[in-house]
Amino acid sequence: MAQGRFYVGTSGFMFNVGKDAFYPKELESKDFLRYYSLVFPFVELETSWASGAKSSSLLHMVTKTNPDFLFALRTVVKEIRSPANGDVDGWQVDVEGLQTAASILTAEGRLATIVLRLPHSFVYTERNRLYLSQVCSSLDLFPLAVEFGNDAWIQERVLGELARRRISCVIDDGPEFDTLTPNQAPLTGDFGYFRFEGKTRELWWDADLAEEHGYAYTAQELKKKAFVIDSLTRKAKRVFIVFANKAEGDSTRNARKLAEILRGLAE
């Protein structure tokens, strides 16, 4: 569902749940991706594909999809804890795995971006800032986006450096999404990247509870968010929008609806 610069998809594609299952009942799981690519223009793959992904596996996924279908690779920066006291002692990213996977997709013209997810515990310190800078430098051959789990990073110095490097800042759909302004979430790269988690304020910090109950956006909520996204990304060449609210099949239904609304705004 691409309309001009907007690419709407979901986090992963292995789902078939809910009252209105996305995949036909008779469809085998080996054909899920092919079917998915007929409906959506891109998919976000989680860290298992970015870490040590075999060339044959990624190339097989490419052959399953349309020629213009794109893949985003999202990986979480992992904590290294001290054996002595359990405190966070450092951080780790499988840079080599990301480089390999991204190179495969780039060669096929299929890479949307690499997304680095920083957990809430990745606080803003000089040490962490330098580590993030090093990781970004090692991936500077590819389009890159950073997803901050701690809002202490959203400051002029950090955003200015992202803009200098043309690295996009991921905007998550948190409880305060409707209050976002261009000053709070400026476009720092050539593309915009939004993730819809589908969590209310009460569920935001409890992933298990959110997975159990899920969250379905209403048409009115999606319309409001479409206007926010459009206003924040007027200068973006591409805008990627990911729905990660997978419970009960909400992600595919919401993604289809938002794509419809965005098409209406473009008319």
C-alpha atoms as a PDB file:
ATOM      1  CA  MET A   1       0.000   0.000   0.000  1.00  0.00           C
ATOM      2  CA  ALA A   2       2.315   2.713  -1.165  1.00  0.00           C
ATOM      3  CA  GLN A   3       0.856   6.061  -2.085  1.00  0.00           C
ATOM      4  CA  GLY A   4       3.584   8.364  -3.284  1.00  0.00           C
ATOM      5  CA  ARG A   5       6.047   8.731  -0.443  1.00  0.00           C
ATOM      6  CA  PHE A   6       4.047   6.765   2.163  1.00  0.00           C
ATOM      7  CA  TYR A   7       4.865   3.113   2.849  1.00  0.00           C
ATOM      8  CA  VAL A   8       2.537   1.438   5.348  1.00  0.00           C
ATOM      9  CA  GLY A   9       3.311  -2.042   6.680  1.00  0.00           C
ATOM     10  CA  THR A  10       3.619  -4.150   9.805  1.00  0.00           C
ATOM     11  CA  SER A  11       6.277  -5.487  12.144  1.00  0.00           C
ATOM     12  CA  GLY A  12       6.775  -9.026  10.914  1.00  0.00           C
ATOM     13  CA  PHE A  13       4.409 -11.006   8.716  1.00  0.00           C
ATOM     14  CA  MET A  14       3.907 -14.326  10.556  1.00  0.00           C
ATOM     15  CA  PHE A  15       0.417 -13.817  11.900  1.00  0.00           C
ATOM     16  CA  ASN A  16      -3.013 -15.174  11.182  1.00  0.00           C
ATOM     17  CA  VAL A  17      -5.142 -14.384  14.212  1.00  0.00           C
ATOM     18  CA  GLY A  18      -8.266 -12.491  15.133  1.00  0.00           C
ATOM     19  CA  LYS A  19     -11.833 -12.579  13.982  1.00  0.00           C
ATOM     20  CA  ASP A  20     -10.836 -11.507  10.485  1.00  0.00           C
ATOM     21  CA  ALA A  21      -7.586 -13.345   9.837  1.00  0.00           C
ATOM     22  CA  PHE A  22      -5.315 -11.618   7.340  1.00  0.00           C
ATOM     23  CA  TYR A  23      -4.266 -14.762   5.478  1.00  0.00           C
ATOM     24  CA  PRO A  24      -6.768 -17.115   3.825  1.00  0.00           C
ATOM     25  CA  LYS A  25      -7.294 -20.277   5.882  1.00  0.00           C
ATOM     26  CA  GLU A  26      -6.058 -22.496   3.071  1.00  0.00           C
ATOM     27  CA  LEU A  27      -2.818 -20.529   2.616  1.00  0.00           C
ATOM     28  CA  GLU A  28       0.320 -22.336   3.829  1.00  0.00           C
ATOM     29  CA  SER A  29       2.741 -20.400   6.033  1.00  0.00           C
ATOM     30  CA  LYS A  30       5.493 -20.710   3.412  1.00  0.00           C
ATOM     31  CA  ASP A  31       3.378 -18.475   1.169  1.00  0.00           C
ATOM     32  CA  PHE A  32       2.582 -15.831   3.790  1.00  0.00           C
ATOM     33  CA  LEU A  33       5.276 -13.391   2.687  1.00  0.00           C
ATOM     34  CA  ARG A  34       4.316 -13.610  -0.974  1.00  0.00           C
ATOM     35  CA  TYR A  35       0.682 -12.875  -0.073  1.00  0.00           C
ATOM     36  CA  TYR A  36       1.718 -10.086   2.314  1.00  0.00           C
ATOM     37  CA  SER A  37       3.770  -8.364  -0.398  1.00  0.00           C
ATOM     38  CA  LEU A  38       0.707  -8.203  -2.629  1.00  0.00           C
ATOM     39  CA  VAL A  39      -1.019  -6.054   0.005  1.00  0.00           C
ATOM     40  CA  PHE A  40       1.761  -4.047   1.650  1.00  0.00           C
ATOM     41  CA  PRO A  41       4.883  -2.362   0.159  1.00  0.00           C
ATOM     42  CA  PHE A  42       7.341  -3.188   2.950  1.00  0.00           C
ATOM     43  CA  VAL A  43       7.838  -5.122   6.179  1.00  0.00           C
ATOM     44  CA  GLU A  44       9.904  -4.546   9.296  1.00  0.00           C
ATOM     45  CA  LEU A  45      12.009  -7.573  10.256  1.00  0.00           C
ATOM     46  CA  GLU A  46      13.059  -7.919  13.875  1.00  0.00           C
ATOM     47  CA  THR A  47      16.552  -8.643  15.172  1.00  0.00           C
ATOM     48  CA  SER A  48      16.587 -12.372  14.372  1.00  0.00           C
ATOM     49  CA  TRP A  49      16.963 -11.448  10.712  1.00  0.00           C
ATOM     50  CA  ALA A  50      19.572  -8.787  11.359  1.00  0.00           C
ATOM     51  CA  SER A  51      21.793 -11.027  13.472  1.00  0.00           C
ATOM     52  CA  GLY A  52      23.700 -13.655  11.543  1.00  0.00           C
ATOM     53  CA  ALA A  53      21.105 -13.914   8.813  1.00  0.00           C
ATOM     54  CA  LYS A  54      22.152 -16.375   6.152  1.00  0.00           C
ATOM     55  CA  SER A  55      22.447 -14.995   2.651  1.00  0.00           C
ATOM     56  CA  SER A  56      20.274 -17.763   1.270  1.00  0.00           C
ATOM     57  CA  SER A  57      17.433 -16.977   3.719  1.00  0.00           C
ATOM     58  CA  LEU A  58      17.299 -13.283   2.872  1.00  0.00           C
ATOM     59  CA  LEU A  59      17.621 -13.899  -0.842  1.00  0.00           C
ATOM     60  CA  HIS A  60      14.792 -16.420  -0.620  1.00  0.00           C
ATOM     61  CA  MET A  61      12.611 -13.768   1.017  1.00  0.00           C
ATOM     62  CA  VAL A  62      13.477 -11.369  -1.784  1.00  0.00           C
ATOM     63  CA  THR A  63      12.373 -13.861  -4.428  1.00  0.00           C
ATOM     64  CA  LYS A  64       9.061 -14.311  -2.596  1.00  0.00           C
ATOM     65  CA  THR A  65       8.122 -10.647  -2.973  1.00  0.00           C
ATOM     66  CA  ASN A  66       7.357  -8.034  -5.610  1.00  0.00           C
ATOM     67  CA  PRO A  67      10.349  -6.284  -7.261  1.00  0.00           C
ATOM     68  CA  ASP A  68       9.629  -2.987  -5.474  1.00  0.00           C
ATOM     69  CA  PHE A  69       8.969  -4.524  -2.036  1.00  0.00           C
ATOM     70  CA  LEU A  70      11.268  -3.221   0.741  1.00  0.00           C
ATOM     71  CA  PHE A  71      12.607  -4.621   4.026  1.00  0.00           C
ATOM     72  CA  ALA A  72      13.497  -2.673   7.171  1.00  0.00           C
ATOM     73  CA  LEU A  73      15.912  -4.358   9.596  1.00  0.00           C
ATOM     74  CA  ARG A  74      15.212  -3.504  13.251  1.00  0.00           C
ATOM     75  CA  THR A  75      17.585  -4.557  16.007  1.00  0.00           C
ATOM     76  CA  VAL A  76      17.657  -3.772  19.717  1.00  0.00           C
ATOM     77  CA  VAL A  77      20.882  -2.608  21.368  1.00  0.00           C
ATOM     78  CA  LYS A  78      21.426  -5.275  24.016  1.00  0.00           C
ATOM     79  CA  GLU A  79      22.570  -4.711  27.571  1.00  0.00           C
ATOM     80  CA  ILE A  80      25.785  -6.299  28.844  1.00  0.00           C
ATOM     81  CA  ARG A  81      25.411  -6.717  32.600  1.00  0.00           C
ATOM     82  CA  SER A  82      28.151  -7.026  35.179  1.00  0.00           C
ATOM     83  CA  PRO A  83      28.316 -10.525  36.746  1.00  0.00           C
ATOM     84  CA  ALA A  84      29.176  -8.903  40.069  1.00  0.00           C
ATOM     85  CA  ASN A  85      26.104  -6.753  40.679  1.00  0.00           C
ATOM     86  CA  GLY A  86      23.902  -7.111  37.621  1.00  0.00           C
ATOM     87  CA  ASP A  87      24.271  -3.459  36.633  1.00  0.00           C
ATOM     88  CA  VAL A  88      24.492  -2.508  32.983  1.00  0.00           C
ATOM     89  CA  ASP A  89      28.184  -2.667  32.125  1.00  0.00           C
ATOM     90  CA  GLY A  90      27.979  -1.881  28.421  1.00  0.00           C
ATOM     91  CA  TRP A  91      26.074  -2.371  25.204  1.00  0.00           C
ATOM     92  CA  GLN A  92      26.266  -4.609  22.188  1.00  0.00           C
ATOM     93  CA  VAL A  93      25.042  -4.451  18.595  1.00  0.00           C
ATOM     94  CA  ASP A  94      25.681  -7.147  16.006  1.00  0.00           C
ATOM     95  CA  VAL A  95      27.190  -4.674  13.563  1.00  0.00           C
ATOM     96  CA  GLU A  96      28.703  -7.368  11.367  1.00  0.00           C
ATOM     97  CA  GLY A  97      25.375  -9.182  11.080  1.00  0.00           C
ATOM     98  CA  LEU A  98      23.606  -5.946  10.200  1.00  0.00           C
ATOM     99  CA  GLN A  99      26.211  -5.060   7.603  1.00  0.00           C
ATOM    100  CA  THR A 100      25.869  -8.478   5.979  1.00  0.00           C
ATOM    101  CA  ALA A 101      22.071  -8.457   5.907  1.00  0.00           C
ATOM    102  CA  ALA A 102      21.884  -4.838   4.747  1.00  0.00           C
ATOM    103  CA  SER A 103      24.431  -5.445   1.997  1.00  0.00           C
ATOM    104  CA  ILE A 104      22.384  -8.366   0.657  1.00  0.00           C
ATOM    105  CA  LEU A 105      19.206  -6.300   0.540  1.00  0.00           C
ATOM    106  CA  THR A 106      20.989  -3.249  -0.871  1.00  0.00           C
ATOM    107  CA  ALA A 107      22.424  -5.287  -3.723  1.00  0.00           C
ATOM    108  CA  GLU A 108      18.875  -6.296  -4.623  1.00  0.00           C
ATOM    109  CA  GLY A 109      17.537  -2.756  -4.215  1.00  0.00           C
ATOM    110  CA  ARG A 110      15.333  -3.893  -1.328  1.00  0.00           C
ATOM    111  CA  LEU A 111      16.634  -2.178   1.819  1.00  0.00           C
ATOM    112  CA  ALA A 112      14.323   0.414   3.350  1.00  0.00           C
ATOM    113  CA  THR A 113      16.510   1.160   6.369  1.00  0.00           C
ATOM    114  CA  ILE A 114      18.259  -0.223   9.418  1.00  0.00           C
ATOM    115  CA  VAL A 115      16.515   0.693  12.683  1.00  0.00           C
ATOM    116  CA  LEU A 116      18.557   0.791  15.895  1.00  0.00           C
ATOM    117  CA  ARG A 117      16.269   0.497  18.915  1.00  0.00           C
ATOM    118  CA  LEU A 118      17.748   1.884  22.145  1.00  0.00           C
ATOM    119  CA  PRO A 119      15.979   0.536  25.268  1.00  0.00           C
ATOM    120  CA  HIS A 120      14.805   2.838  28.049  1.00  0.00           C
ATOM    121  CA  SER A 121      17.847   1.824  30.119  1.00  0.00           C
ATOM    122  CA  PHE A 122      20.152   3.229  27.411  1.00  0.00           C
ATOM    123  CA  VAL A 123      20.335   6.592  29.164  1.00  0.00           C
ATOM    124  CA  TYR A 124      21.971   9.729  27.829  1.00  0.00           C
ATOM    125  CA  THR A 125      25.590   9.739  29.003  1.00  0.00           C
ATOM    126  CA  GLU A 126      28.822  10.715  27.273  1.00  0.00           C
ATOM    127  CA  ARG A 127      29.889   7.076  27.155  1.00  0.00           C
ATOM    128  CA  ASN A 128      26.612   5.945  25.599  1.00  0.00           C
ATOM    129  CA  ARG A 129      26.628   8.857  23.172  1.00  0.00           C
ATOM    130  CA  LEU A 130      30.094   7.910  21.927  1.00  0.00           C
ATOM    131  CA  TYR A 131      29.089   4.249  21.600  1.00  0.00           C
ATOM    132  CA  LEU A 132      26.033   5.152  19.573  1.00  0.00           C
ATOM    133  CA  SER A 133      28.177   7.399  17.383  1.00  0.00           C
ATOM    134  CA  GLN A 134      30.593   4.537  16.708  1.00  0.00           C
ATOM    135  CA  VAL A 135      27.784   2.142  15.782  1.00  0.00           C
ATOM    136  CA  CYS A 136      26.208   4.695  13.454  1.00  0.00           C
ATOM    137  CA  SER A 137      29.585   5.319  11.803  1.00  0.00           C
ATOM    138  CA  SER A 138      30.016   1.598  11.171  1.00  0.00           C
ATOM    139  CA  LEU A 139      26.658   1.542   9.366  1.00  0.00           C
ATOM    140  CA  ASP A 140      26.980   4.809   7.457  1.00  0.00           C
ATOM    141  CA  LEU A 141      26.863   3.072   4.070  1.00  0.00           C
ATOM    142  CA  PHE A 142      23.165   2.309   4.650  1.00  0.00           C
ATOM    143  CA  PRO A 143      20.031   4.342   5.376  1.00  0.00           C
ATOM    144  CA  LEU A 144      19.776   4.422   9.155  1.00  0.00           C
ATOM    145  CA  ALA A 145      17.167   5.311  11.782  1.00  0.00           C
ATOM    146  CA  VAL A 146      17.526   5.468  15.571  1.00  0.00           C
ATOM    147  CA  GLU A 147      14.647   4.701  17.918  1.00  0.00           C
ATOM    148  CA  PHE A 148      15.158   6.252  21.349  1.00  0.00           C
ATOM    149  CA  GLY A 149      13.474   4.510  24.265  1.00  0.00           C
ATOM    150  CA  ASN A 150      14.487   7.289  26.648  1.00  0.00           C
ATOM    151  CA  ASP A 151      13.334  10.831  25.843  1.00  0.00           C
ATOM    152  CA  ALA A 152      16.443  12.348  27.456  1.00  0.00           C
ATOM    153  CA  TRP A 153      18.035  11.831  24.026  1.00  0.00           C
ATOM    154  CA  ILE A 154      15.560  14.172  22.361  1.00  0.00           C
ATOM    155  CA  GLN A 155      17.666  17.314  22.688  1.00  0.00           C
ATOM    156  CA  GLU A 156      19.229  19.827  20.341  1.00  0.00           C
ATOM    157  CA  ARG A 157      22.737  18.363  20.414  1.00  0.00           C
ATOM    158  CA  VAL A 158      21.592  14.833  19.556  1.00  0.00           C
ATOM    159  CA  LEU A 159      19.029  15.820  16.940  1.00  0.00           C
ATOM    160  CA  GLY A 160      21.532  18.194  15.345  1.00  0.00           C
ATOM    161  CA  GLU A 161      24.089  15.394  15.012  1.00  0.00           C
ATOM    162  CA  LEU A 162      21.469  13.052  13.529  1.00  0.00           C
ATOM    163  CA  ALA A 163      20.569  15.740  11.002  1.00  0.00           C
ATOM    164  CA  ARG A 164      24.230  16.282  10.109  1.00  0.00           C
ATOM    165  CA  ARG A 165      24.586  12.567   9.397  1.00  0.00           C
ATOM    166  CA  ARG A 166      21.161  12.324   7.710  1.00  0.00           C
ATOM    167  CA  ILE A 167      20.050   9.698  10.242  1.00  0.00           C
ATOM    168  CA  SER A 168      16.310   9.547  10.838  1.00  0.00           C
ATOM    169  CA  CYS A 169      14.763   9.691  14.296  1.00  0.00           C
ATOM    170  CA  VAL A 170      12.033   7.083  14.796  1.00  0.00           C
ATOM    171  CA  ILE A 171       8.786   8.399  16.224  1.00  0.00           C
ATOM    172  CA  ASP A 172       6.958   5.840  18.363  1.00  0.00           C
ATOM    173  CA  ASP A 173       3.259   6.008  19.020  1.00  0.00           C
ATOM    174  CA  GLY A 174       3.436   6.579  22.759  1.00  0.00           C
ATOM    175  CA  PRO A 175       0.645   7.890  24.958  1.00  0.00           C
ATOM    176  CA  GLU A 176       1.519  11.485  24.019  1.00  0.00           C
ATOM    177  CA  PHE A 177       1.623  10.961  20.244  1.00  0.00           C
ATOM    178  CA  ASP A 178      -1.187  13.409  19.485  1.00  0.00           C
ATOM    179  CA  THR A 179       0.771  16.260  21.117  1.00  0.00           C
ATOM    180  CA  LEU A 180       3.849  15.869  18.907  1.00  0.00           C
ATOM    181  CA  THR A 181       4.944  18.994  17.078  1.00  0.00           C
ATOM    182  CA  PRO A 182       7.647  19.504  14.433  1.00  0.00           C
ATOM    183  CA  ASN A 183       9.832  21.091  17.126  1.00  0.00           C
ATOM    184  CA  GLN A 184       9.559  18.009  19.350  1.00  0.00           C
ATOM    185  CA  ALA A 185      10.166  15.478  16.579  1.00  0.00           C
ATOM    186  CA  PRO A 186      11.927  17.137  13.664  1.00  0.00           C
ATOM    187  CA  LEU A 187      12.767  15.313  10.475  1.00  0.00           C
ATOM    188  CA  THR A 188      16.498  14.587  10.777  1.00  0.00           C
ATOM    189  CA  GLY A 189      16.965  12.253   7.803  1.00  0.00           C
ATOM    190  CA  ASP A 190      15.768  11.942   4.236  1.00  0.00           C
ATOM    191  CA  PHE A 191      12.893   9.717   5.324  1.00  0.00           C
ATOM    192  CA  GLY A 192      10.399   9.526   8.173  1.00  0.00           C
ATOM    193  CA  TYR A 193       9.847   6.407  10.286  1.00  0.00           C
ATOM    194  CA  PHE A 194       6.839   5.865  12.570  1.00  0.00           C
ATOM    195  CA  ARG A 195       5.955   2.870  14.740  1.00  0.00           C
ATOM    196  CA  PHE A 196       2.446   2.255  16.060  1.00  0.00           C
ATOM    197  CA  GLU A 197       2.748   0.100  19.186  1.00  0.00           C
ATOM    198  CA  GLY A 198      -0.942   0.238  19.963  1.00  0.00           C
ATOM    199  CA  LYS A 199      -0.531   0.676  23.715  1.00  0.00           C
ATOM    200  CA  THR A 200      -2.533   2.902  25.992  1.00  0.00           C
ATOM    201  CA  ARG A 201      -0.803   4.683  28.864  1.00  0.00           C
ATOM    202  CA  GLU A 202      -1.686   1.829  31.262  1.00  0.00           C
ATOM    203  CA  LEU A 203      -0.188  -0.802  28.936  1.00  0.00           C
ATOM    204  CA  TRP A 204       2.857   1.146  27.748  1.00  0.00           C
ATOM    205  CA  TRP A 205       5.321  -0.392  30.235  1.00  0.00           C
ATOM    206  CA  ASP A 206       3.797  -3.880  30.357  1.00  0.00           C
ATOM    207  CA  ALA A 207       4.557  -5.695  27.109  1.00  0.00           C
ATOM    208  CA  ASP A 208       2.921  -8.959  28.275  1.00  0.00           C
ATOM    209  CA  LEU A 209      -0.306  -7.218  29.184  1.00  0.00           C
ATOM    210  CA  ALA A 210      -0.315  -5.282  25.915  1.00  0.00           C
ATOM    211  CA  GLU A 211       0.242  -8.476  23.917  1.00  0.00           C
ATOM    212  CA  GLU A 212      -2.655 -10.130  25.717  1.00  0.00           C
ATOM    213  CA  HIS A 213      -5.156  -7.303  25.299  1.00  0.00           C
ATOM    214  CA  GLY A 214      -3.813  -5.524  22.239  1.00  0.00           C
ATOM    215  CA  TYR A 215      -5.083  -2.216  20.989  1.00  0.00           C
ATOM    216  CA  ALA A 216      -7.140  -1.443  17.903  1.00  0.00           C
ATOM    217  CA  TYR A 217      -6.945   2.141  16.653  1.00  0.00           C
ATOM    218  CA  THR A 218     -10.264   3.679  15.667  1.00  0.00           C
ATOM    219  CA  ALA A 219     -10.729   5.315  12.280  1.00  0.00           C
ATOM    220  CA  GLN A 220     -10.894   8.707  14.006  1.00  0.00           C
ATOM    221  CA  GLU A 221      -7.606   8.100  15.848  1.00  0.00           C
ATOM    222  CA  LEU A 222      -5.909   7.059  12.628  1.00  0.00           C
ATOM    223  CA  LYS A 223      -7.206  10.129  10.823  1.00  0.00           C
ATOM    224  CA  LYS A 224      -5.720  12.421  13.490  1.00  0.00           C
ATOM    225  CA  LYS A 225      -2.412  10.586  13.346  1.00  0.00           C
ATOM    226  CA  ALA A 226      -2.359  10.752   9.550  1.00  0.00           C
ATOM    227  CA  PHE A 227      -2.524  14.557   9.722  1.00  0.00           C
ATOM    228  CA  VAL A 228       0.311  14.608  12.306  1.00  0.00           C
ATOM    229  CA  ILE A 229       2.493  12.332  10.163  1.00  0.00           C
ATOM    230  CA  ASP A 230       1.807  14.349   7.031  1.00  0.00           C
ATOM    231  CA  SER A 231       2.667  17.652   8.731  1.00  0.00           C
ATOM    232  CA  LEU A 232       5.899  16.260  10.201  1.00  0.00           C
ATOM    233  CA  THR A 233       7.155  14.768   6.949  1.00  0.00           C
ATOM    234  CA  ARG A 234       6.301  17.233   4.193  1.00  0.00           C
ATOM    235  CA  LYS A 235       9.958  17.317   3.078  1.00  0.00           C
ATOM    236  CA  ALA A 236      10.632  13.588   3.384  1.00  0.00           C
ATOM    237  CA  LYS A 237      11.354  11.570   0.270  1.00  0.00           C
ATOM    238  CA  ARG A 238       9.809   8.497   1.886  1.00  0.00           C
ATOM    239  CA  VAL A 239       7.755   7.864   5.004  1.00  0.00           C
ATOM    240  CA  PHE A 240       7.682   4.389   6.554  1.00  0.00           C
ATOM    241  CA  ILE A 241       4.841   3.570   8.937  1.00  0.00           C
ATOM    242  CA  VAL A 242       4.913   0.327  10.914  1.00  0.00           C
ATOM    243  CA  PHE A 243       2.068  -1.196  12.913  1.00  0.00           C
ATOM    244  CA  ALA A 244       3.327  -3.450  15.721  1.00  0.00           C
ATOM    245  CA  ASN A 245      -0.036  -3.969  17.462  1.00  0.00           C
ATOM    246  CA  LYS A 246      -0.303  -7.595  16.390  1.00  0.00           C
ATOM    247  CA  ALA A 247      -2.822  -8.927  18.913  1.00  0.00           C
ATOM    248  CA  GLU A 248      -6.094 -10.055  17.328  1.00  0.00           C
ATOM    249  CA  GLY A 249      -4.917  -9.026  13.872  1.00  0.00           C
ATOM    250  CA  ASP A 250      -5.147  -5.307  14.655  1.00  0.00           C
ATOM    251  CA  SER A 251      -1.898  -4.423  12.862  1.00  0.00           C
ATOM    252  CA  THR A 252      -3.020  -5.412   9.362  1.00  0.00           C
ATOM    253  CA  ARG A 253      -6.494  -3.899   9.727  1.00  0.00           C
ATOM    254  CA  ASN A 254      -5.105  -0.626  11.080  1.00  0.00           C
ATOM    255  CA  ALA A 255      -2.370  -0.498   8.440  1.00  0.00           C
ATOM    256  CA  ARG A 256      -4.899  -0.890   5.636  1.00  0.00           C
ATOM    257  CA  LYS A 257      -7.111   1.815   7.093  1.00  0.00           C
ATOM    258  CA  LEU A 258      -4.279   4.316   7.570  1.00  0.00           C
ATOM    259  CA  ALA A 259      -3.078   3.715   4.004  1.00  0.00           C
ATOM    260  CA  GLU A 260      -6.598   4.489   2.801  1.00  0.00           C
ATOM    261  CA  ILE A 261      -6.683   7.726   4.800  1.00  0.00           C
ATOM    262  CA  LEU A 262      -3.266   8.788   3.509  1.00  0.00           C
ATOM    263  CA  ARG A 263      -4.392   8.184  -0.069  1.00  0.00           C
ATOM    264  CA  GLY A 264      -7.314  10.498   0.626  1.00  0.00           C
ATOM    265  CA  LEU A 265      -4.990  13.235   1.901  1.00  0.00           C
ATOM    266  CA  ALA A 266      -2.906  12.981  -1.273  1.00  0.00           C
ATOM    267  CA  GLU A 267      -5.920  13.534  -3.536  1.00  0.00           C
END
